[in-house]
Amino acid sequence: LEWTEASIKIYLDDVLFYELTNSASLPFNADFFLILN
């Protein structure tokens, strides 16, 4: 995952397959924690 104030990008083996434009209206500009299950 590459996560910035501008975008969220997700890769498989360094190949991009997901991208979401981030913005102030979304909750992706604060702390998050990791989960594995």
PDB file of all heavy atoms in Angstrom:
ATOM      1  N   LEU A   1       0.854  -1.189   0.000  1.00  0.00           N
ATOM      2  CA  LEU A   1       0.000   0.000   0.000  1.00  0.00           C
ATOM      3  C   LEU A   1       0.883   1.230   0.000  1.00  0.00           C
ATOM      4  O   LEU A   1       1.845   1.315   0.765  1.00  0.00           O
ATOM      5  CB  LEU A   1      -0.894   0.000   1.248  1.00  0.00           C
ATOM      6  CG  LEU A   1      -1.507   1.344   1.674  1.00  0.00           C
ATOM      7  CD1 LEU A   1      -2.666   1.718   0.755  1.00  0.00           C
ATOM      8  CD2 LEU A   1      -1.973   1.295   3.130  1.00  0.00           C
ATOM      9  N   GLU A   2       0.558   2.205  -0.863  1.00  0.00           N
ATOM     10  CA  GLU A   2       1.162   3.537  -0.804  1.00  0.00           C
ATOM     11  C   GLU A   2       0.038   4.527  -0.511  1.00  0.00           C
ATOM     12  O   GLU A   2      -0.893   4.670  -1.304  1.00  0.00           O
ATOM     13  CB  GLU A   2       1.868   3.880  -2.112  1.00  0.00           C
ATOM     14  CG  GLU A   2       3.130   3.064  -2.339  1.00  0.00           C
ATOM     15  CD  GLU A   2       3.890   3.475  -3.594  1.00  0.00           C
ATOM     16  OE1 GLU A   2       3.392   4.365  -4.327  1.00  0.00           O
ATOM     17  OE2 GLU A   2       4.971   2.924  -3.838  1.00  0.00           O
ATOM     18  N   TRP A   3       0.161   5.196   0.619  1.00  0.00           N
ATOM     19  CA  TRP A   3      -0.941   6.008   1.153  1.00  0.00           C
ATOM     20  C   TRP A   3      -0.425   7.419   1.407  1.00  0.00           C
ATOM     21  O   TRP A   3       0.509   7.613   2.190  1.00  0.00           O
ATOM     22  CB  TRP A   3      -1.446   5.337   2.430  1.00  0.00           C
ATOM     23  CG  TRP A   3      -2.416   6.101   3.271  1.00  0.00           C
ATOM     24  CD1 TRP A   3      -3.337   7.020   2.883  1.00  0.00           C
ATOM     25  CD2 TRP A   3      -2.557   5.971   4.694  1.00  0.00           C
ATOM     26  NE1 TRP A   3      -4.050   7.476   3.947  1.00  0.00           N
ATOM     27  CE2 TRP A   3      -3.597   6.845   5.077  1.00  0.00           C
ATOM     28  CE3 TRP A   3      -1.915   5.203   5.663  1.00  0.00           C
ATOM     29  CZ2 TRP A   3      -3.991   6.977   6.420  1.00  0.00           C
ATOM     30  CZ3 TRP A   3      -2.323   5.327   6.979  1.00  0.00           C
ATOM     31  CH2 TRP A   3      -3.341   6.206   7.349  1.00  0.00           C
ATOM     32  N   THR A   4      -1.006   8.393   0.727  1.00  0.00           N
ATOM     33  CA  THR A   4      -0.641   9.802   0.902  1.00  0.00           C
ATOM     34  C   THR A   4      -1.917  10.623   1.037  1.00  0.00           C
ATOM     35  O   THR A   4      -3.029  10.101   0.894  1.00  0.00           O
ATOM     36  CB  THR A   4       0.174  10.327  -0.294  1.00  0.00           C
ATOM     37  OG1 THR A   4      -0.691  10.427  -1.451  1.00  0.00           O
ATOM     38  CG2 THR A   4       1.351   9.410  -0.615  1.00  0.00           C
ATOM     39  N   GLU A   5      -1.755  11.905   1.261  1.00  0.00           N
ATOM     40  CA  GLU A   5      -2.926  12.779   1.333  1.00  0.00           C
ATOM     41  C   GLU A   5      -3.585  12.928  -0.030  1.00  0.00           C
ATOM     42  O   GLU A   5      -4.730  13.382  -0.122  1.00  0.00           O
ATOM     43  CB  GLU A   5      -2.536  14.154   1.880  1.00  0.00           C
ATOM     44  CG  GLU A   5      -1.549  14.909   1.026  1.00  0.00           C
ATOM     45  CD  GLU A   5      -1.191  16.258   1.643  1.00  0.00           C
ATOM     46  OE1 GLU A   5      -1.956  16.730   2.500  1.00  0.00           O
ATOM     47  OE2 GLU A   5      -0.150  16.823   1.254  1.00  0.00           O
ATOM     48  N   ALA A   6      -2.887  12.527  -1.101  1.00  0.00           N
ATOM     49  CA  ALA A   6      -3.432  12.659  -2.445  1.00  0.00           C
ATOM     50  C   ALA A   6      -4.092  11.386  -2.951  1.00  0.00           C
ATOM     51  O   ALA A   6      -5.031  11.448  -3.755  1.00  0.00           O
ATOM     52  CB  ALA A   6      -2.331  13.076  -3.424  1.00  0.00           C
ATOM     53  N   SER A   7      -3.628  10.216  -2.517  1.00  0.00           N
ATOM     54  CA  SER A   7      -4.158   8.974  -3.092  1.00  0.00           C
ATOM     55  C   SER A   7      -3.872   7.767  -2.213  1.00  0.00           C
ATOM     56  O   SER A   7      -3.013   7.812  -1.324  1.00  0.00           O
ATOM     57  CB  SER A   7      -3.547   8.736  -4.482  1.00  0.00           C
ATOM     58  OG  SER A   7      -2.155   8.512  -4.374  1.00  0.00           O
ATOM     59  N   ILE A   8      -4.587   6.694  -2.502  1.00  0.00           N
ATOM     60  CA  ILE A   8      -4.338   5.373  -1.927  1.00  0.00           C
ATOM     61  C   ILE A   8      -4.094   4.431  -3.092  1.00  0.00           C
ATOM     62  O   ILE A   8      -4.965   4.256  -3.955  1.00  0.00           O
ATOM     63  CB  ILE A   8      -5.529   4.899  -1.077  1.00  0.00           C
ATOM     64  CG1 ILE A   8      -5.674   5.787   0.163  1.00  0.00           C
ATOM     65  CG2 ILE A   8      -5.370   3.441  -0.680  1.00  0.00           C
ATOM     66  CD1 ILE A   8      -6.925   5.513   0.973  1.00  0.00           C
ATOM     67  N   LYS A   9      -2.914   3.838  -3.146  1.00  0.00           N
ATOM     68  CA  LYS A   9      -2.544   2.931  -4.228  1.00  0.00           C
ATOM     69  C   LYS A   9      -2.171   1.574  -3.636  1.00  0.00           C
ATOM     70  O   LYS A   9      -1.449   1.525  -2.638  1.00  0.00           O
ATOM     71  CB  LYS A   9      -1.367   3.485  -5.035  1.00  0.00           C
ATOM     72  CG  LYS A   9      -1.654   4.818  -5.713  1.00  0.00           C
ATOM     73  CD  LYS A   9      -0.424   5.314  -6.479  1.00  0.00           C
ATOM     74  CE  LYS A   9      -0.696   6.646  -7.148  1.00  0.00           C
ATOM     75  NZ  LYS A   9       0.491   7.139  -7.915  1.00  0.00           N
ATOM     76  N   ILE A  10      -2.638   0.518  -4.266  1.00  0.00           N
ATOM     77  CA  ILE A  10      -2.378  -0.831  -3.777  1.00  0.00           C
ATOM     78  C   ILE A  10      -1.777  -1.654  -4.912  1.00  0.00           C
ATOM     79  O   ILE A  10      -2.228  -1.575  -6.063  1.00  0.00           O
ATOM     80  CB  ILE A  10      -3.658  -1.471  -3.225  1.00  0.00           C
ATOM     81  CG1 ILE A  10      -4.169  -0.630  -2.021  1.00  0.00           C
ATOM     82  CG2 ILE A  10      -3.414  -2.913  -2.796  1.00  0.00           C
ATOM     83  CD1 ILE A  10      -5.487  -1.090  -1.449  1.00  0.00           C
ATOM     84  N   TYR A  11      -0.751  -2.437  -4.557  1.00  0.00           N
ATOM     85  CA  TYR A  11       0.037  -3.170  -5.548  1.00  0.00           C
ATOM     86  C   TYR A  11       0.093  -4.648  -5.202  1.00  0.00           C
ATOM     87  O   TYR A  11       0.054  -5.039  -4.032  1.00  0.00           O
ATOM     88  CB  TYR A  11       1.483  -2.655  -5.563  1.00  0.00           C
ATOM     89  CG  TYR A  11       1.657  -1.192  -5.888  1.00  0.00           C
ATOM     90  CD1 TYR A  11       1.392  -0.202  -4.935  1.00  0.00           C
ATOM     91  CD2 TYR A  11       2.123  -0.785  -7.139  1.00  0.00           C
ATOM     92  CE1 TYR A  11       1.563   1.141  -5.229  1.00  0.00           C
ATOM     93  CE2 TYR A  11       2.318   0.554  -7.439  1.00  0.00           C
ATOM     94  CZ  TYR A  11       2.029   1.507  -6.475  1.00  0.00           C
ATOM     95  OH  TYR A  11       2.217   2.842  -6.770  1.00  0.00           O
ATOM     96  N   LEU A  12       0.226  -5.460  -6.236  1.00  0.00           N
ATOM     97  CA  LEU A  12       0.572  -6.867  -6.090  1.00  0.00           C
ATOM     98  C   LEU A  12       1.919  -7.082  -6.776  1.00  0.00           C
ATOM     99  O   LEU A  12       2.035  -6.847  -7.990  1.00  0.00           O
ATOM    100  CB  LEU A  12      -0.492  -7.766  -6.728  1.00  0.00           C
ATOM    101  CG  LEU A  12      -0.111  -9.247  -6.862  1.00  0.00           C
ATOM    102  CD1 LEU A  12       0.124  -9.878  -5.503  1.00  0.00           C
ATOM    103  CD2 LEU A  12      -1.161 -10.005  -7.653  1.00  0.00           C
ATOM    104  N   ASP A  13       2.916  -7.500  -6.008  1.00  0.00           N
ATOM    105  CA  ASP A  13       4.266  -7.714  -6.562  1.00  0.00           C
ATOM    106  C   ASP A  13       4.727  -6.501  -7.362  1.00  0.00           C
ATOM    107  O   ASP A  13       5.225  -6.609  -8.497  1.00  0.00           O
ATOM    108  CB  ASP A  13       4.289  -8.978  -7.429  1.00  0.00           C
ATOM    109  CG  ASP A  13       4.059 -10.239  -6.611  1.00  0.00           C
ATOM    110  OD1 ASP A  13       4.462 -10.260  -5.434  1.00  0.00           O
ATOM    111  OD2 ASP A  13       3.467 -11.194  -7.143  1.00  0.00           O
ATOM    112  N   ASP A  14       4.528  -5.308  -6.772  1.00  0.00           N
ATOM    113  CA  ASP A  14       4.958  -4.023  -7.331  1.00  0.00           C
ATOM    114  C   ASP A  14       4.180  -3.587  -8.565  1.00  0.00           C
ATOM    115  O   ASP A  14       4.577  -2.629  -9.239  1.00  0.00           O
ATOM    116  CB  ASP A  14       6.462  -4.036  -7.653  1.00  0.00           C
ATOM    117  CG  ASP A  14       7.324  -4.200  -6.415  1.00  0.00           C
ATOM    118  OD1 ASP A  14       6.958  -3.639  -5.366  1.00  0.00           O
ATOM    119  OD2 ASP A  14       8.357  -4.881  -6.490  1.00  0.00           O
ATOM    120  N   VAL A  15       3.076  -4.256  -8.889  1.00  0.00           N
ATOM    121  CA  VAL A  15       2.230  -3.853 -10.016  1.00  0.00           C
ATOM    122  C   VAL A  15       0.960  -3.215  -9.469  1.00  0.00           C
ATOM    123  O   VAL A  15       0.198  -3.855  -8.734  1.00  0.00           O
ATOM    124  CB  VAL A  15       1.887  -5.049 -10.918  1.00  0.00           C
ATOM    125  CG1 VAL A  15       0.936  -4.614 -12.026  1.00  0.00           C
ATOM    126  CG2 VAL A  15       3.154  -5.650 -11.507  1.00  0.00           C
ATOM    127  N   LEU A  16       0.729  -1.963  -9.815  1.00  0.00           N
ATOM    128  CA  LEU A  16      -0.439  -1.231  -9.328  1.00  0.00           C
ATOM    129  C   LEU A  16      -1.722  -1.825  -9.893  1.00  0.00           C
ATOM    130  O   LEU A  16      -1.830  -2.054 -11.091  1.00  0.00           O
ATOM    131  CB  LEU A  16      -0.329   0.241  -9.753  1.00  0.00           C
ATOM    132  CG  LEU A  16      -1.498   1.157  -9.375  1.00  0.00           C
ATOM    133  CD1 LEU A  16      -1.518   1.414  -7.879  1.00  0.00           C
ATOM    134  CD2 LEU A  16      -1.409   2.477 -10.139  1.00  0.00           C
ATOM    135  N   PHE A  17      -2.703  -2.100  -9.036  1.00  0.00           N
ATOM    136  CA  PHE A  17      -4.000  -2.545  -9.537  1.00  0.00           C
ATOM    137  C   PHE A  17      -5.170  -1.830  -8.863  1.00  0.00           C
ATOM    138  O   PHE A  17      -6.333  -2.075  -9.219  1.00  0.00           O
ATOM    139  CB  PHE A  17      -4.162  -4.064  -9.398  1.00  0.00           C
ATOM    140  CG  PHE A  17      -4.392  -4.574  -7.997  1.00  0.00           C
ATOM    141  CD1 PHE A  17      -5.678  -4.832  -7.544  1.00  0.00           C
ATOM    142  CD2 PHE A  17      -3.333  -4.797  -7.133  1.00  0.00           C
ATOM    143  CE1 PHE A  17      -5.905  -5.314  -6.262  1.00  0.00           C
ATOM    144  CE2 PHE A  17      -3.547  -5.281  -5.851  1.00  0.00           C
ATOM    145  CZ  PHE A  17      -4.832  -5.536  -5.411  1.00  0.00           C
ATOM    146  N   TYR A  18      -4.868  -0.930  -7.928  1.00  0.00           N
ATOM    147  CA  TYR A  18      -5.949  -0.192  -7.247  1.00  0.00           C
ATOM    148  C   TYR A  18      -5.488   1.232  -6.990  1.00  0.00           C
ATOM    149  O   TYR A  18      -4.346   1.462  -6.555  1.00  0.00           O
ATOM    150  CB  TYR A  18      -6.289  -0.865  -5.914  1.00  0.00           C
ATOM    151  CG  TYR A  18      -7.342  -0.135  -5.101  1.00  0.00           C
ATOM    152  CD1 TYR A  18      -8.673  -0.517  -5.163  1.00  0.00           C
ATOM    153  CD2 TYR A  18      -7.015   0.937  -4.279  1.00  0.00           C
ATOM    154  CE1 TYR A  18      -9.654   0.150  -4.419  1.00  0.00           C
ATOM    155  CE2 TYR A  18      -7.982   1.611  -3.542  1.00  0.00           C
ATOM    156  CZ  TYR A  18      -9.300   1.214  -3.605  1.00  0.00           C
ATOM    157  OH  TYR A  18     -10.259   1.870  -2.885  1.00  0.00           O
ATOM    158  N   GLU A  19      -6.388   2.202  -7.243  1.00  0.00           N
ATOM    159  CA  GLU A  19      -6.067   3.589  -6.913  1.00  0.00           C
ATOM    160  C   GLU A  19      -7.345   4.346  -6.561  1.00  0.00           C
ATOM    161  O   GLU A  19      -8.347   4.268  -7.276  1.00  0.00           O
ATOM    162  CB  GLU A  19      -5.365   4.276  -8.079  1.00  0.00           C
ATOM    163  CG  GLU A  19      -4.952   5.708  -7.767  1.00  0.00           C
ATOM    164  CD  GLU A  19      -4.071   6.331  -8.827  1.00  0.00           C
ATOM    165  OE1 GLU A  19      -3.808   5.656  -9.858  1.00  0.00           O
ATOM    166  OE2 GLU A  19      -3.635   7.482  -8.643  1.00  0.00           O
ATOM    167  N   LEU A  20      -7.306   5.045  -5.457  1.00  0.00           N
ATOM    168  CA  LEU A  20      -8.411   5.891  -5.000  1.00  0.00           C
ATOM    169  C   LEU A  20      -7.864   7.279  -4.712  1.00  0.00           C
ATOM    170  O   LEU A  20      -6.858   7.422  -4.018  1.00  0.00           O
ATOM    171  CB  LEU A  20      -9.050   5.306  -3.740  1.00  0.00           C
ATOM    172  CG  LEU A  20     -10.131   6.172  -3.060  1.00  0.00           C
ATOM    173  CD1 LEU A  20     -11.396   6.204  -3.914  1.00  0.00           C
ATOM    174  CD2 LEU A  20     -10.447   5.648  -1.665  1.00  0.00           C
ATOM    175  N   THR A  21      -8.505   8.292  -5.256  1.00  0.00           N
ATOM    176  CA  THR A  21      -8.106   9.661  -4.956  1.00  0.00           C
ATOM    177  C   THR A  21      -8.528  10.023  -3.539  1.00  0.00           C
ATOM    178  O   THR A  21      -9.708   9.907  -3.188  1.00  0.00           O
ATOM    179  CB  THR A  21      -8.738  10.642  -5.957  1.00  0.00           C
ATOM    180  OG1 THR A  21      -8.305  10.297  -7.277  1.00  0.00           O
ATOM    181  CG2 THR A  21      -8.326  12.069  -5.649  1.00  0.00           C
ATOM    182  N   ASN A  22      -7.578  10.438  -2.726  1.00  0.00           N
ATOM    183  CA  ASN A  22      -7.873  10.830  -1.348  1.00  0.00           C
ATOM    184  C   ASN A  22      -8.283  12.299  -1.319  1.00  0.00           C
ATOM    185  O   ASN A  22      -7.913  13.085  -2.194  1.00  0.00           O
ATOM    186  CB  ASN A  22      -6.639  10.597  -0.477  1.00  0.00           C
ATOM    187  CG  ASN A  22      -6.979  10.534   1.000  1.00  0.00           C
ATOM    188  OD1 ASN A  22      -8.150  10.589   1.388  1.00  0.00           O
ATOM    189  ND2 ASN A  22      -5.967  10.411   1.838  1.00  0.00           N
ATOM    190  N   SER A  23      -9.039  12.672  -0.310  1.00  0.00           N
ATOM    191  CA  SER A  23      -9.473  14.068  -0.175  1.00  0.00           C
ATOM    192  C   SER A  23      -9.820  14.347   1.280  1.00  0.00           C
ATOM    193  O   SER A  23      -9.936  13.426   2.097  1.00  0.00           O
ATOM    194  CB  SER A  23     -10.694  14.347  -1.058  1.00  0.00           C
ATOM    195  OG  SER A  23     -11.845  13.689  -0.555  1.00  0.00           O
ATOM    196  N   ALA A  24     -10.020  15.617   1.584  1.00  0.00           N
ATOM    197  CA  ALA A  24     -10.318  16.030   2.954  1.00  0.00           C
ATOM    198  C   ALA A  24     -11.671  15.500   3.426  1.00  0.00           C
ATOM    199  O   ALA A  24     -11.924  15.411   4.633  1.00  0.00           O
ATOM    200  CB  ALA A  24     -10.283  17.555   3.061  1.00  0.00           C
ATOM    201  N   SER A  25     -12.550  15.122   2.479  1.00  0.00           N
ATOM    202  CA  SER A  25     -13.873  14.632   2.862  1.00  0.00           C
ATOM    203  C   SER A  25     -13.864  13.154   3.257  1.00  0.00           C
ATOM    204  O   SER A  25     -14.867  12.637   3.740  1.00  0.00           O
ATOM    205  CB  SER A  25     -14.853  14.836   1.699  1.00  0.00           C
ATOM    206  OG  SER A  25     -14.486  14.039   0.585  1.00  0.00           O
ATOM    207  N   LEU A  26     -12.739  12.474   3.051  1.00  0.00           N
ATOM    208  CA  LEU A  26     -12.626  11.055   3.371  1.00  0.00           C
ATOM    209  C   LEU A  26     -11.906  10.872   4.705  1.00  0.00           C
ATOM    210  O   LEU A  26     -11.152  11.754   5.134  1.00  0.00           O
ATOM    211  CB  LEU A  26     -11.871  10.331   2.259  1.00  0.00           C
ATOM    212  CG  LEU A  26     -12.547  10.327   0.886  1.00  0.00           C
ATOM    213  CD1 LEU A  26     -11.653   9.662  -0.151  1.00  0.00           C
ATOM    214  CD2 LEU A  26     -13.898   9.628   0.944  1.00  0.00           C
ATOM    215  N   PRO A  27     -12.082   9.724   5.353  1.00  0.00           N
ATOM    216  CA  PRO A  27     -11.466   9.515   6.671  1.00  0.00           C
ATOM    217  C   PRO A  27     -10.018   9.045   6.597  1.00  0.00           C
ATOM    218  O   PRO A  27      -9.455   8.679   7.628  1.00  0.00           O
ATOM    219  CB  PRO A  27     -12.354   8.426   7.282  1.00  0.00           C
ATOM    220  CG  PRO A  27     -12.834   7.634   6.115  1.00  0.00           C
ATOM    221  CD  PRO A  27     -13.010   8.625   5.000  1.00  0.00           C
ATOM    222  N   PHE A  28      -9.420   9.077   5.400  1.00  0.00           N
ATOM    223  CA  PHE A  28      -8.085   8.504   5.220  1.00  0.00           C
ATOM    224  C   PHE A  28      -6.983   9.550   5.398  1.00  0.00           C
ATOM    225  O   PHE A  28      -5.996   9.558   4.653  1.00  0.00           O
ATOM    226  CB  PHE A  28      -7.996   7.835   3.851  1.00  0.00           C
ATOM    227  CG  PHE A  28      -9.106   6.847   3.602  1.00  0.00           C
ATOM    228  CD1 PHE A  28     -10.023   7.035   2.582  1.00  0.00           C
ATOM    229  CD2 PHE A  28      -9.252   5.731   4.422  1.00  0.00           C
ATOM    230  CE1 PHE A  28     -11.050   6.141   2.367  1.00  0.00           C
ATOM    231  CE2 PHE A  28     -10.277   4.816   4.218  1.00  0.00           C
ATOM    232  CZ  PHE A  28     -11.186   5.027   3.191  1.00  0.00           C
ATOM    233  N   ASN A  29      -7.175  10.416   6.351  1.00  0.00           N
ATOM    234  CA  ASN A  29      -6.186  11.450   6.654  1.00  0.00           C
ATOM    235  C   ASN A  29      -5.945  11.530   8.158  1.00  0.00           C
ATOM    236  O   ASN A  29      -5.689  12.603   8.712  1.00  0.00           O
ATOM    237  CB  ASN A  29      -6.651  12.811   6.106  1.00  0.00           C
ATOM    238  CG  ASN A  29      -6.808  12.803   4.602  1.00  0.00           C
ATOM    239  OD1 ASN A  29      -5.828  12.798   3.861  1.00  0.00           O
ATOM    240  ND2 ASN A  29      -8.054  12.763   4.128  1.00  0.00           N
ATOM    241  N   ALA A  30      -6.022  10.375   8.796  1.00  0.00           N
ATOM    242  CA  ALA A  30      -5.801  10.265  10.238  1.00  0.00           C
ATOM    243  C   ALA A  30      -5.096   8.938  10.501  1.00  0.00           C
ATOM    244  O   ALA A  30      -4.835   8.167   9.580  1.00  0.00           O
ATOM    245  CB  ALA A  30      -7.138  10.335  10.977  1.00  0.00           C
ATOM    246  N   ASP A  31      -4.779   8.683  11.772  1.00  0.00           N
ATOM    247  CA  ASP A  31      -4.061   7.452  12.120  1.00  0.00           C
ATOM    248  C   ASP A  31      -4.900   6.208  11.852  1.00  0.00           C
ATOM    249  O   ASP A  31      -6.123   6.195  12.080  1.00  0.00           O
ATOM    250  CB  ASP A  31      -3.672   7.473  13.600  1.00  0.00           C
ATOM    251  CG  ASP A  31      -2.467   8.358  13.865  1.00  0.00           C
ATOM    252  OD1 ASP A  31      -1.840   8.800  12.878  1.00  0.00           O
ATOM    253  OD2 ASP A  31      -2.165   8.597  15.038  1.00  0.00           O
ATOM    254  N   PHE A  32      -4.224   5.152  11.403  1.00  0.00           N
ATOM    255  CA  PHE A  32      -4.819   3.830  11.213  1.00  0.00           C
ATOM    256  C   PHE A  32      -3.936   2.794  11.906  1.00  0.00           C
ATOM    257  O   PHE A  32      -2.777   3.059  12.232  1.00  0.00           O
ATOM    258  CB  PHE A  32      -4.922   3.486   9.719  1.00  0.00           C
ATOM    259  CG  PHE A  32      -6.183   3.986   9.056  1.00  0.00           C
ATOM    260  CD1 PHE A  32      -6.465   5.343   8.989  1.00  0.00           C
ATOM    261  CD2 PHE A  32      -7.082   3.100   8.488  1.00  0.00           C
ATOM    262  CE1 PHE A  32      -7.616   5.809   8.369  1.00  0.00           C
ATOM    263  CE2 PHE A  32      -8.240   3.551   7.868  1.00  0.00           C
ATOM    264  CZ  PHE A  32      -8.516   4.909   7.812  1.00  0.00           C
ATOM    265  N   PHE A  33      -4.492   1.599  12.157  1.00  0.00           N
ATOM    266  CA  PHE A  33      -3.686   0.497  12.676  1.00  0.00           C
ATOM    267  C   PHE A  33      -3.834  -0.718  11.767  1.00  0.00           C
ATOM    268  O   PHE A  33      -4.774  -0.814  10.967  1.00  0.00           O
ATOM    269  CB  PHE A  33      -4.054   0.156  14.124  1.00  0.00           C
ATOM    270  CG  PHE A  33      -5.490  -0.272  14.342  1.00  0.00           C
ATOM    271  CD1 PHE A  33      -5.861  -1.610  14.239  1.00  0.00           C
ATOM    272  CD2 PHE A  33      -6.474   0.665  14.685  1.00  0.00           C
ATOM    273  CE1 PHE A  33      -7.170  -2.007  14.463  1.00  0.00           C
ATOM    274  CE2 PHE A  33      -7.788   0.271  14.905  1.00  0.00           C
ATOM    275  CZ  PHE A  33      -8.139  -1.068  14.789  1.00  0.00           C
ATOM    276  N   LEU A  34      -2.904  -1.659  11.885  1.00  0.00           N
ATOM    277  CA  LEU A  34      -2.819  -2.827  11.013  1.00  0.00           C
ATOM    278  C   LEU A  34      -3.579  -4.019  11.587  1.00  0.00           C
ATOM    279  O   LEU A  34      -3.634  -4.198  12.809  1.00  0.00           O
ATOM    280  CB  LEU A  34      -1.360  -3.219  10.813  1.00  0.00           C
ATOM    281  CG  LEU A  34      -0.467  -2.189  10.117  1.00  0.00           C
ATOM    282  CD1 LEU A  34       0.994  -2.478  10.408  1.00  0.00           C
ATOM    283  CD2 LEU A  34      -0.736  -2.193   8.625  1.00  0.00           C
ATOM    284  N   ILE A  35      -4.124  -4.862  10.698  1.00  0.00           N
ATOM    285  CA  ILE A  35      -4.829  -6.077  11.108  1.00  0.00           C
ATOM    286  C   ILE A  35      -4.458  -7.213  10.152  1.00  0.00           C
ATOM    287  O   ILE A  35      -4.397  -7.024   8.936  1.00  0.00           O
ATOM    288  CB  ILE A  35      -6.364  -5.887  11.096  1.00  0.00           C
ATOM    289  CG1 ILE A  35      -6.772  -4.660  11.922  1.00  0.00           C
ATOM    290  CG2 ILE A  35      -7.073  -7.141  11.616  1.00  0.00           C
ATOM    291  CD1 ILE A  35      -8.250  -4.332  11.828  1.00  0.00           C
ATOM    292  N   LEU A  36      -4.235  -8.404  10.724  1.00  0.00           N
ATOM    293  CA  LEU A  36      -3.990  -9.631   9.956  1.00  0.00           C
ATOM    294  C   LEU A  36      -4.930 -10.697  10.478  1.00  0.00           C
ATOM    295  O   LEU A  36      -5.008 -10.917  11.697  1.00  0.00           O
ATOM    296  CB  LEU A  36      -2.546 -10.105  10.121  1.00  0.00           C
ATOM    297  CG  LEU A  36      -1.420  -9.108   9.849  1.00  0.00           C
ATOM    298  CD1 LEU A  36      -0.085  -9.687  10.295  1.00  0.00           C
ATOM    299  CD2 LEU A  36      -1.378  -8.739   8.375  1.00  0.00           C
ATOM    300  N   ASN A  37      -5.653 -11.390   9.603  1.00  0.00           N
ATOM    301  CA  ASN A  37      -6.547 -12.435  10.095  1.00  0.00           C
ATOM    302  C   ASN A  37      -6.923 -13.411   8.998  1.00  0.00           C
ATOM    303  O   ASN A  37      -6.778 -13.128   7.801  1.00  0.00           O
ATOM    304  CB  ASN A  37      -7.820 -11.842  10.702  1.00  0.00           C
ATOM    305  CG  ASN A  37      -8.748 -11.237   9.674  1.00  0.00           C
ATOM    306  OD1 ASN A  37      -8.501 -10.110   9.203  1.00  0.00           O
ATOM    307  ND2 ASN A  37      -9.801 -11.942   9.325  1.00  0.00           N
TER     308      ASN A  37
END
